[in-house]
Amino acid sequence: AHTITRLPQLQAIHAYSLPMAFLAFDRLLSRGWTRDAVWLGVAVLMAALTSGHLAVFLVFGLAAAMLTRPEAWYGRRGRPVIVRLAAAAAVTLSITLAFCWPYIELGRDMRFQRPLEGIASFSASGWTYFTTTAVMHYSLWSESLFRTNSDALFPGFVALGLAGVG
């Protein structure tokens, strides 16, 4: 919902590594080449260094894609694919940790933690998905909701309709 309601800031997401990762993953499952495993690792690394959340979503997406093609990685034929995939994952995780280690140390040393009250204040509630600042919806129902909840996450009827069709 945050992405849909904040389309003017879409360029800030830096999700260009997602299609590259899925292409490399598909090629790795299809051909089993080491080069494809390297490209997959590079794409996941790009996602991880851009956004931790994006990397987590990408890993879960790749896991789901892997479950849809068991013939490519299960059994004797898939053993080289699994070995290359595991190697790519190990190298990517190592490089990611090397880049992130100073931040982990800083967080531990300086005790950077958010209190639960602060996290709750920025968390979405059910009403935020009905709240919008769009001109048409705001005057119809959202004005009273927006006064009590300043976060507007209603994606609009077109987005909801397209999601329903999808």
C-alpha atoms as a PDB file:
ATOM      1  CA  ALA A   1       0.000   0.000   0.000  1.00  0.00           C
ATOM      2  CA  HIS A   2       2.835   2.435   0.710  1.00  0.00           C
ATOM      3  CA  THR A   3       4.153   1.911  -2.811  1.00  0.00           C
ATOM      4  CA  ILE A   4       0.796   2.381  -4.480  1.00  0.00           C
ATOM      5  CA  THR A   5      -0.102   5.521  -2.531  1.00  0.00           C
ATOM      6  CA  ARG A   6       3.286   7.142  -3.006  1.00  0.00           C
ATOM      7  CA  LEU A   7       3.823   6.744  -6.745  1.00  0.00           C
ATOM      8  CA  PRO A   8       5.679  10.079  -7.080  1.00  0.00           C
ATOM      9  CA  GLN A   9       8.452   8.579  -4.919  1.00  0.00           C
ATOM     10  CA  LEU A  10       8.540   5.279  -6.830  1.00  0.00           C
ATOM     11  CA  GLN A  11      12.056   5.942  -8.109  1.00  0.00           C
ATOM     12  CA  ALA A  12      13.305   5.825  -4.496  1.00  0.00           C
ATOM     13  CA  ILE A  13      12.547   2.114  -4.205  1.00  0.00           C
ATOM     14  CA  HIS A  14      15.415   1.028  -6.474  1.00  0.00           C
ATOM     15  CA  ALA A  15      13.819  -2.289  -7.351  1.00  0.00           C
ATOM     16  CA  TYR A  16      15.721  -2.695 -10.621  1.00  0.00           C
ATOM     17  CA  SER A  17      17.473  -5.789  -9.299  1.00  0.00           C
ATOM     18  CA  LEU A  18      14.203  -7.753  -9.009  1.00  0.00           C
ATOM     19  CA  PRO A  19      13.713  -8.566 -12.713  1.00  0.00           C
ATOM     20  CA  MET A  20      17.427  -9.264 -13.070  1.00  0.00           C
ATOM     21  CA  ALA A  21      17.276 -11.718 -10.135  1.00  0.00           C
ATOM     22  CA  PHE A  22      14.267 -13.578 -11.499  1.00  0.00           C
ATOM     23  CA  LEU A  23      15.803 -13.776 -14.973  1.00  0.00           C
ATOM     24  CA  ALA A  24      19.079 -15.120 -13.593  1.00  0.00           C
ATOM     25  CA  PHE A  25      17.185 -17.549 -11.369  1.00  0.00           C
ATOM     26  CA  ASP A  26      15.125 -18.811 -14.294  1.00  0.00           C
ATOM     27  CA  ARG A  27      18.260 -19.293 -16.367  1.00  0.00           C
ATOM     28  CA  LEU A  28      19.989 -21.063 -13.486  1.00  0.00           C
ATOM     29  CA  LEU A  29      17.086 -23.484 -13.170  1.00  0.00           C
ATOM     30  CA  SER A  30      16.893 -23.975 -16.938  1.00  0.00           C
ATOM     31  CA  ARG A  31      20.589 -24.267 -17.822  1.00  0.00           C
ATOM     32  CA  GLY A  32      22.399 -24.770 -14.533  1.00  0.00           C
ATOM     33  CA  TRP A  33      25.314 -22.553 -15.527  1.00  0.00           C
ATOM     34  CA  THR A  34      27.664 -21.019 -12.978  1.00  0.00           C
ATOM     35  CA  ARG A  35      27.422 -17.680 -14.775  1.00  0.00           C
ATOM     36  CA  ASP A  36      23.683 -17.558 -14.028  1.00  0.00           C
ATOM     37  CA  ALA A  37      24.348 -18.284 -10.346  1.00  0.00           C
ATOM     38  CA  VAL A  38      26.840 -15.403 -10.269  1.00  0.00           C
ATOM     39  CA  TRP A  39      24.311 -13.028 -11.843  1.00  0.00           C
ATOM     40  CA  LEU A  40      21.688 -14.171  -9.351  1.00  0.00           C
ATOM     41  CA  GLY A  41      24.081 -13.445  -6.499  1.00  0.00           C
ATOM     42  CA  VAL A  42      24.858  -9.998  -7.905  1.00  0.00           C
ATOM     43  CA  ALA A  43      21.151  -9.178  -8.229  1.00  0.00           C
ATOM     44  CA  VAL A  44      20.351 -10.303  -4.691  1.00  0.00           C
ATOM     45  CA  LEU A  45      23.377  -8.384  -3.406  1.00  0.00           C
ATOM     46  CA  MET A  46      22.151  -5.244  -5.194  1.00  0.00           C
ATOM     47  CA  ALA A  47      18.750  -5.654  -3.543  1.00  0.00           C
ATOM     48  CA  ALA A  48      20.310  -6.262  -0.128  1.00  0.00           C
ATOM     49  CA  LEU A  49      22.565  -3.214  -0.329  1.00  0.00           C
ATOM     50  CA  THR A  50      19.666  -1.079  -1.497  1.00  0.00           C
ATOM     51  CA  SER A  51      17.065  -2.196   1.028  1.00  0.00           C
ATOM     52  CA  GLY A  52      16.966  -4.961   3.588  1.00  0.00           C
ATOM     53  CA  HIS A  53      13.213  -5.241   3.141  1.00  0.00           C
ATOM     54  CA  LEU A  54      13.580  -5.596  -0.611  1.00  0.00           C
ATOM     55  CA  ALA A  55      16.149  -8.363  -0.143  1.00  0.00           C
ATOM     56  CA  VAL A  56      13.818 -10.265   2.177  1.00  0.00           C
ATOM     57  CA  PHE A  57      10.930  -9.951  -0.289  1.00  0.00           C
ATOM     58  CA  LEU A  58      13.213 -11.060  -3.111  1.00  0.00           C
ATOM     59  CA  VAL A  59      14.433 -14.137  -1.233  1.00  0.00           C
ATOM     60  CA  PHE A  60      10.867 -15.176  -0.450  1.00  0.00           C
ATOM     61  CA  GLY A  61       9.893 -14.552  -4.078  1.00  0.00           C
ATOM     62  CA  LEU A  62      12.772 -16.703  -5.288  1.00  0.00           C
ATOM     63  CA  ALA A  63      11.787 -19.443  -2.841  1.00  0.00           C
ATOM     64  CA  ALA A  64       8.228 -19.358  -4.179  1.00  0.00           C
ATOM     65  CA  ALA A  65       9.538 -19.482  -7.755  1.00  0.00           C
ATOM     66  CA  MET A  66      11.719 -22.433  -6.839  1.00  0.00           C
ATOM     67  CA  LEU A  67       8.754 -24.329  -5.403  1.00  0.00           C
ATOM     68  CA  THR A  68       6.897 -23.935  -8.699  1.00  0.00           C
ATOM     69  CA  ARG A  69       9.643 -25.748 -10.641  1.00  0.00           C
ATOM     70  CA  PRO A  70      10.690 -28.797  -8.618  1.00  0.00           C
ATOM     71  CA  GLU A  71      11.733 -30.684 -11.754  1.00  0.00           C
ATOM     72  CA  ALA A  72      14.582 -28.206 -12.252  1.00  0.00           C
ATOM     73  CA  TRP A  73      16.222 -28.742  -8.856  1.00  0.00           C
ATOM     74  CA  TYR A  74      14.941 -32.031  -7.424  1.00  0.00           C
ATOM     75  CA  GLY A  75      16.773 -35.291  -7.934  1.00  0.00           C
ATOM     76  CA  ARG A  76      20.020 -36.183  -9.641  1.00  0.00           C
ATOM     77  CA  ARG A  77      19.659 -33.661 -12.474  1.00  0.00           C
ATOM     78  CA  GLY A  78      19.140 -30.806 -10.027  1.00  0.00           C
ATOM     79  CA  ARG A  79      22.143 -31.465  -7.804  1.00  0.00           C
ATOM     80  CA  PRO A  80      24.484 -29.099  -9.735  1.00  0.00           C
ATOM     81  CA  VAL A  81      21.791 -26.410  -9.664  1.00  0.00           C
ATOM     82  CA  ILE A  82      21.435 -26.721  -5.882  1.00  0.00           C
ATOM     83  CA  VAL A  83      25.215 -26.612  -5.400  1.00  0.00           C
ATOM     84  CA  ARG A  84      25.516 -23.460  -7.523  1.00  0.00           C
ATOM     85  CA  LEU A  85      22.524 -21.880  -5.793  1.00  0.00           C
ATOM     86  CA  ALA A  86      23.966 -22.628  -2.345  1.00  0.00           C
ATOM     87  CA  ALA A  87      27.366 -21.231  -3.353  1.00  0.00           C
ATOM     88  CA  ALA A  88      25.768 -18.061  -4.718  1.00  0.00           C
ATOM     89  CA  ALA A  89      23.731 -17.677  -1.524  1.00  0.00           C
ATOM     90  CA  ALA A  90      26.788 -18.175   0.702  1.00  0.00           C
ATOM     91  CA  VAL A  91      28.928 -15.662  -1.195  1.00  0.00           C
ATOM     92  CA  THR A  92      26.097 -13.114  -1.381  1.00  0.00           C
ATOM     93  CA  LEU A  93      25.339 -13.455   2.329  1.00  0.00           C
ATOM     94  CA  SER A  94      29.022 -13.073   3.204  1.00  0.00           C
ATOM     95  CA  ILE A  95      29.417  -9.916   1.131  1.00  0.00           C
ATOM     96  CA  THR A  96      26.172  -8.490   2.501  1.00  0.00           C
ATOM     97  CA  LEU A  97      27.289  -9.120   6.081  1.00  0.00           C
ATOM     98  CA  ALA A  98      30.668  -7.538   5.353  1.00  0.00           C
ATOM     99  CA  PHE A  99      28.935  -4.363   4.181  1.00  0.00           C
ATOM    100  CA  CYS A 100      26.380  -4.374   6.994  1.00  0.00           C
ATOM    101  CA  TRP A 101      28.701  -5.351   9.850  1.00  0.00           C
ATOM    102  CA  PRO A 102      29.635  -1.747  10.805  1.00  0.00           C
ATOM    103  CA  TYR A 103      25.934  -0.916  11.120  1.00  0.00           C
ATOM    104  CA  ILE A 104      25.305  -4.018  13.218  1.00  0.00           C
ATOM    105  CA  GLU A 105      28.188  -3.096  15.503  1.00  0.00           C
ATOM    106  CA  LEU A 106      27.057   0.512  15.769  1.00  0.00           C
ATOM    107  CA  GLY A 107      23.547  -0.583  16.659  1.00  0.00           C
ATOM    108  CA  ARG A 108      24.846  -2.923  19.333  1.00  0.00           C
ATOM    109  CA  ASP A 109      27.386  -0.468  20.790  1.00  0.00           C
ATOM    110  CA  MET A 110      25.128   2.578  20.781  1.00  0.00           C
ATOM    111  CA  ARG A 111      22.023   0.568  21.715  1.00  0.00           C
ATOM    112  CA  PHE A 112      20.043   1.922  18.783  1.00  0.00           C
ATOM    113  CA  GLN A 113      16.586   0.565  19.390  1.00  0.00           C
ATOM    114  CA  ARG A 114      13.133   1.847  18.723  1.00  0.00           C
ATOM    115  CA  PRO A 115      10.684   1.585  21.593  1.00  0.00           C
ATOM    116  CA  LEU A 116       7.482  -0.291  20.825  1.00  0.00           C
ATOM    117  CA  GLU A 117       5.462   2.887  21.294  1.00  0.00           C
ATOM    118  CA  GLY A 118       7.402   4.557  18.489  1.00  0.00           C
ATOM    119  CA  ILE A 119       6.953   1.583  16.193  1.00  0.00           C
ATOM    120  CA  ALA A 120       3.220   1.470  16.946  1.00  0.00           C
ATOM    121  CA  SER A 121       2.837   5.165  16.121  1.00  0.00           C
ATOM    122  CA  PHE A 122       4.159   4.545  12.591  1.00  0.00           C
ATOM    123  CA  SER A 123       2.269   1.299  12.037  1.00  0.00           C
ATOM    124  CA  ALA A 124      -0.784   1.180   9.830  1.00  0.00           C
ATOM    125  CA  SER A 125      -4.192   0.533  11.300  1.00  0.00           C
ATOM    126  CA  GLY A 126      -7.255  -0.757   9.504  1.00  0.00           C
ATOM    127  CA  TRP A 127      -8.548   2.789   9.020  1.00  0.00           C
ATOM    128  CA  THR A 128      -5.416   3.926   7.209  1.00  0.00           C
ATOM    129  CA  TYR A 129      -6.428   1.740   4.277  1.00  0.00           C
ATOM    130  CA  PHE A 130      -9.665   3.728   3.984  1.00  0.00           C
ATOM    131  CA  THR A 131      -7.959   7.102   4.357  1.00  0.00           C
ATOM    132  CA  THR A 132      -6.786   9.084   1.350  1.00  0.00           C
ATOM    133  CA  THR A 133      -5.914  12.634   0.441  1.00  0.00           C
ATOM    134  CA  ALA A 134      -7.123  12.201  -3.142  1.00  0.00           C
ATOM    135  CA  VAL A 135      -9.482  15.045  -4.011  1.00  0.00           C
ATOM    136  CA  MET A 136     -12.483  12.926  -4.953  1.00  0.00           C
ATOM    137  CA  HIS A 137     -12.300  10.494  -2.021  1.00  0.00           C
ATOM    138  CA  TYR A 138     -11.220  13.083   0.549  1.00  0.00           C
ATOM    139  CA  SER A 139     -14.374  15.145   0.229  1.00  0.00           C
ATOM    140  CA  LEU A 140     -16.630  12.059   0.213  1.00  0.00           C
ATOM    141  CA  TRP A 141     -15.395  10.231   3.317  1.00  0.00           C
ATOM    142  CA  SER A 142     -11.735  10.579   4.074  1.00  0.00           C
ATOM    143  CA  GLU A 143     -11.602  14.051   5.618  1.00  0.00           C
ATOM    144  CA  SER A 144     -12.859  12.917   9.023  1.00  0.00           C
ATOM    145  CA  LEU A 145     -10.589   9.860   8.991  1.00  0.00           C
ATOM    146  CA  PHE A 146      -7.544  11.892   7.972  1.00  0.00           C
ATOM    147  CA  ARG A 147      -7.961  14.255  10.923  1.00  0.00           C
ATOM    148  CA  THR A 148      -7.569  11.358  13.368  1.00  0.00           C
ATOM    149  CA  ASN A 149      -5.072   9.366  11.321  1.00  0.00           C
ATOM    150  CA  SER A 150      -2.472  11.262   9.302  1.00  0.00           C
ATOM    151  CA  ASP A 151      -1.296   8.216   7.339  1.00  0.00           C
ATOM    152  CA  ALA A 152      -3.268   7.697   4.139  1.00  0.00           C
ATOM    153  CA  LEU A 153      -2.874   4.305   2.468  1.00  0.00           C
ATOM    154  CA  PHE A 154      -6.072   3.905   0.436  1.00  0.00           C
ATOM    155  CA  PRO A 155      -4.781   2.881  -3.006  1.00  0.00           C
ATOM    156  CA  GLY A 156      -7.928   3.877  -4.898  1.00  0.00           C
ATOM    157  CA  PHE A 157     -10.686   1.895  -6.529  1.00  0.00           C
ATOM    158  CA  VAL A 158      -8.786   1.363  -9.765  1.00  0.00           C
ATOM    159  CA  ALA A 159      -5.855  -0.250  -7.948  1.00  0.00           C
ATOM    160  CA  LEU A 160      -8.219  -2.391  -5.874  1.00  0.00           C
ATOM    161  CA  GLY A 161     -10.095  -3.435  -9.006  1.00  0.00           C
ATOM    162  CA  LEU A 162      -6.899  -4.353 -10.828  1.00  0.00           C
ATOM    163  CA  ALA A 163      -5.669  -6.297  -7.807  1.00  0.00           C
ATOM    164  CA  GLY A 164      -8.980  -8.154  -7.704  1.00  0.00           C
ATOM    165  CA  VAL A 165      -8.743  -9.017 -11.385  1.00  0.00           C
ATOM    166  CA  GLY A 166      -5.141 -10.158 -10.861  1.00  0.00           C
END
